[in-house]
């Protein structure tokens, strides 16, 4: 049984990137006046994501997404082409109005991820960014049109390429979110 395209950069195994990658320039897919965004810091929590909100290459079931400190993310060219996809969403995904590529998505409201911007490292002008470490929201690909009968094969393929599939975030990130909430609510100090 063949498995649909997970993502072009994870389908046949993970490239081994540099965990000390210091950022670079992200570019949208436009050939004329591409939007360029500078990330002047390293990225963290690089992962594949099956949610229906993240930008994915054509035909891919998953995106590849990471975070960087928002203060290290800046528009350097053609920012006039950007628009927020969904102003009510937690992640304010800024996408190119012409090609649809999501360039960055800051979290600005009160949340454990406030101060972080979500980016797609495959858009970097260099390919040495850290490889994804896990897959989040795997079941959500069904909401994006994947037949439920494909899920066993998709999870097996993800494990085969070296990615742990979760139907939420990784355990470490879920612990971080729960700790933030417990501190905010006064349960923990």
Protein backbone atom coordinates (compact mmCIF):
# COMPACT_ATOMS: atom_id res chain seq x y z
CA UNK A 1 0.00 0.00 0.00
CA UNK A 2 1.44 3.38 -0.91
CA UNK A 3 1.22 6.23 1.54
CA UNK A 4 0.22 9.66 0.37
CA UNK A 5 2.87 12.39 0.33
CA UNK A 6 3.65 13.22 3.94
CA UNK A 7 5.79 16.27 3.03
CA UNK A 8 8.51 16.48 0.37
CA UNK A 9 11.21 16.95 3.01
CA UNK A 10 10.21 14.00 5.21
CA UNK A 11 8.73 11.48 2.79
CA UNK A 12 11.96 9.55 2.25
CA UNK A 13 13.71 10.25 5.54
CA UNK A 14 14.95 13.25 7.44
CA UNK A 15 17.90 15.36 6.43
CA UNK A 16 20.25 15.87 9.35
CA UNK A 17 20.37 19.61 9.90
CA UNK A 18 22.39 21.79 12.22
CA UNK A 19 20.92 22.17 15.72
CA UNK A 20 22.93 25.41 16.00
CA UNK A 21 21.38 26.89 12.84
CA UNK A 22 21.34 30.66 13.35
CA UNK A 23 18.42 31.61 11.11
CA UNK A 24 18.37 33.16 7.68
CA UNK A 25 15.96 34.58 5.12
CA UNK A 26 12.58 32.98 4.45
CA UNK A 27 11.13 33.59 0.97
CA UNK A 28 7.61 32.97 -0.32
CA UNK A 29 6.97 31.04 -3.54
CA UNK A 30 6.40 34.08 -5.77
CA UNK A 31 8.77 34.49 -8.71
CA UNK A 32 7.98 38.23 -8.91
CA UNK A 33 8.68 40.32 -5.81
CA UNK A 34 8.81 37.47 -3.27
CA UNK A 35 8.11 38.32 0.34
CA UNK A 36 11.27 37.93 2.41
CA UNK A 37 11.37 37.59 6.17
CA UNK A 38 14.57 37.54 8.21
CA UNK A 39 14.92 35.23 11.19
CA UNK A 40 17.97 36.36 13.15
CA UNK A 41 17.98 33.60 15.76
CA UNK A 42 17.88 29.84 15.91
CA UNK A 43 14.63 27.93 15.66
CA UNK A 44 13.13 25.48 18.13
CA UNK A 45 10.54 22.70 18.25
CA UNK A 46 10.76 21.96 14.54
CA UNK A 47 8.06 19.42 13.76
CA UNK A 48 5.66 18.20 11.13
CA UNK A 49 2.05 19.25 11.70
CA UNK A 50 -1.18 17.77 10.40
CA UNK A 51 -3.52 20.59 11.45
CA UNK A 52 -5.66 22.21 8.80
CA UNK A 53 -4.43 25.76 9.55
CA UNK A 54 -0.72 25.35 8.72
CA UNK A 55 0.56 26.01 5.20
CA UNK A 56 1.57 22.87 3.32
CA UNK A 57 3.25 22.35 -0.04
CA UNK A 58 0.91 21.17 -2.79
CA UNK A 59 -0.14 17.57 -2.24
CA UNK A 60 1.41 17.25 1.23
CA UNK A 61 -0.60 15.98 4.19
CA UNK A 62 1.71 17.69 6.72
CA UNK A 63 3.50 20.99 7.11
CA UNK A 64 6.95 21.46 8.60
CA UNK A 65 6.87 24.22 11.22
CA UNK A 66 9.10 25.58 13.98
CA UNK A 67 9.22 28.59 16.27
CA UNK A 68 11.59 31.50 16.72
CA UNK A 69 11.46 34.42 19.15
CA UNK A 70 9.17 37.05 17.62
CA UNK A 71 11.69 39.81 18.27
CA UNK A 72 14.09 38.01 15.92
CA UNK A 73 11.59 37.91 13.02
CA UNK A 74 11.35 40.89 10.66
CA UNK A 75 10.01 41.58 7.18
CA UNK A 76 12.82 42.64 4.86
CA UNK A 77 11.14 42.74 1.42
CA UNK A 78 7.65 43.12 -0.03
CA UNK A 79 5.71 43.15 3.23
CA UNK A 80 2.90 44.93 1.38
CA UNK A 81 1.97 41.51 -0.03
CA UNK A 82 1.24 40.03 3.44
CA UNK A 83 -2.15 39.60 5.11
CA UNK A 84 -3.23 37.78 8.29
CA UNK A 85 -5.08 34.60 7.34
CA UNK A 86 -7.40 34.46 10.37
CA UNK A 87 -7.34 37.45 12.78
CA UNK A 88 -9.24 35.42 15.43
CA UNK A 89 -6.65 32.60 15.55
CA UNK A 90 -4.05 32.29 18.30
CA UNK A 91 -1.28 32.13 15.70
CA UNK A 92 -1.51 35.24 13.52
CA UNK A 93 -0.35 33.59 10.29
CA UNK A 94 0.92 36.23 7.84
CA UNK A 95 0.61 34.84 4.31
CA UNK A 96 1.52 36.18 0.90
CA UNK A 97 -1.68 37.39 -0.78
CA UNK A 98 -0.40 36.21 -4.17
CA UNK A 99 1.08 32.72 -3.66
CA UNK A 100 -0.56 31.87 -0.31
CA UNK A 101 2.68 30.91 1.44
CA UNK A 102 2.56 31.44 5.21
CA UNK A 103 5.65 33.44 6.14
CA UNK A 104 5.42 33.82 9.90
CA UNK A 105 2.80 33.59 12.61
CA UNK A 106 3.37 35.41 15.89
CA UNK A 107 1.48 34.56 19.08
CA UNK A 108 0.58 37.90 20.62
CA UNK A 109 -2.15 37.20 23.15
CA UNK A 110 -1.81 35.70 26.63
CA UNK A 111 -0.62 32.14 26.02
CA UNK A 112 2.35 29.93 26.84
CA UNK A 113 3.64 30.58 23.29
CA UNK A 114 3.34 34.39 23.52
CA UNK A 115 6.47 35.98 22.09
CA UNK A 116 7.09 33.17 19.61
CA UNK A 117 6.52 33.21 15.87
CA UNK A 118 5.73 30.06 13.91
CA UNK A 119 7.72 29.74 10.68
CA UNK A 120 8.23 27.15 7.94
CA UNK A 121 11.98 26.37 7.91
CA UNK A 122 11.84 24.86 4.42
CA UNK A 123 11.50 28.46 3.19
CA UNK A 124 15.00 29.36 4.47
CA UNK A 125 17.60 30.37 1.92
CA UNK A 126 19.80 27.59 3.28
CA UNK A 127 19.02 23.95 3.98
CA UNK A 128 20.90 23.33 7.19
CA UNK A 129 18.05 24.07 9.63
CA UNK A 130 17.39 21.41 12.30
CA UNK A 131 15.32 18.47 11.16
CA UNK A 132 11.80 17.92 12.54
CA UNK A 133 11.73 16.04 15.85
CA UNK A 134 8.12 14.83 16.01
CA UNK A 135 4.73 15.06 14.31
CA UNK A 136 1.80 16.89 15.91
CA UNK A 137 -1.93 16.61 15.26
CA UNK A 138 -1.62 13.50 13.09
CA UNK A 139 -5.35 12.67 13.19
CA UNK A 140 -6.15 16.17 11.95
CA UNK A 141 -5.09 15.20 8.42
CA UNK A 142 -8.47 13.43 8.24
CA UNK A 143 -10.10 16.87 8.61
CA UNK A 144 -7.99 17.94 5.62
CA UNK A 145 -9.37 15.15 3.43
CA UNK A 146 -7.23 12.09 4.18
CA UNK A 147 -9.26 8.88 4.23
CA UNK A 148 -9.25 7.38 7.75
CA UNK A 149 -8.25 4.03 6.25
CA UNK A 150 -4.84 5.56 5.42
CA UNK A 151 -3.98 6.44 9.01
CA UNK A 152 -2.23 3.20 10.02
CA UNK A 153 0.01 3.46 6.96
CA UNK A 154 0.71 7.16 7.59
CA UNK A 155 1.67 6.53 11.23
CA UNK A 156 3.88 3.61 10.19
CA UNK A 157 5.61 5.72 7.52
CA UNK A 158 6.18 8.57 10.00
CA UNK A 159 7.82 6.14 12.43
CA UNK A 160 9.81 4.63 9.57
CA UNK A 161 11.37 8.02 8.72
CA UNK A 162 12.17 8.61 12.39
CA UNK A 163 9.31 10.81 13.60
CA UNK A 164 7.12 10.07 16.60
CA UNK A 165 3.47 10.77 15.70
CA UNK A 166 1.22 12.47 18.26
CA UNK A 167 -2.39 13.61 18.14
CA UNK A 168 -1.41 16.70 20.14
CA UNK A 169 2.03 18.25 20.65
CA UNK A 170 5.06 16.33 21.92
CA UNK A 171 4.97 15.30 25.60
CA UNK A 172 7.57 17.97 26.50
CA UNK A 173 5.50 20.75 24.88
CA UNK A 174 2.27 19.46 26.44
CA UNK A 175 4.03 19.53 29.85
CA UNK A 176 5.17 23.11 29.14
CA UNK A 177 1.62 24.20 28.26
CA UNK A 178 0.16 22.53 31.35
CA UNK A 179 2.84 24.08 33.59
CA UNK A 180 2.17 27.55 32.16
CA UNK A 181 -1.58 27.12 32.77
CA UNK A 182 -1.04 25.81 36.31
CA UNK A 183 1.21 28.78 37.15
CA UNK A 184 -1.22 31.25 35.63
CA UNK A 185 -4.07 29.74 37.65
CA UNK A 186 -2.03 29.70 40.88
CA UNK A 187 -1.89 25.91 41.14
CA UNK A 188 1.91 26.02 40.83
CA UNK A 189 4.34 28.77 41.70
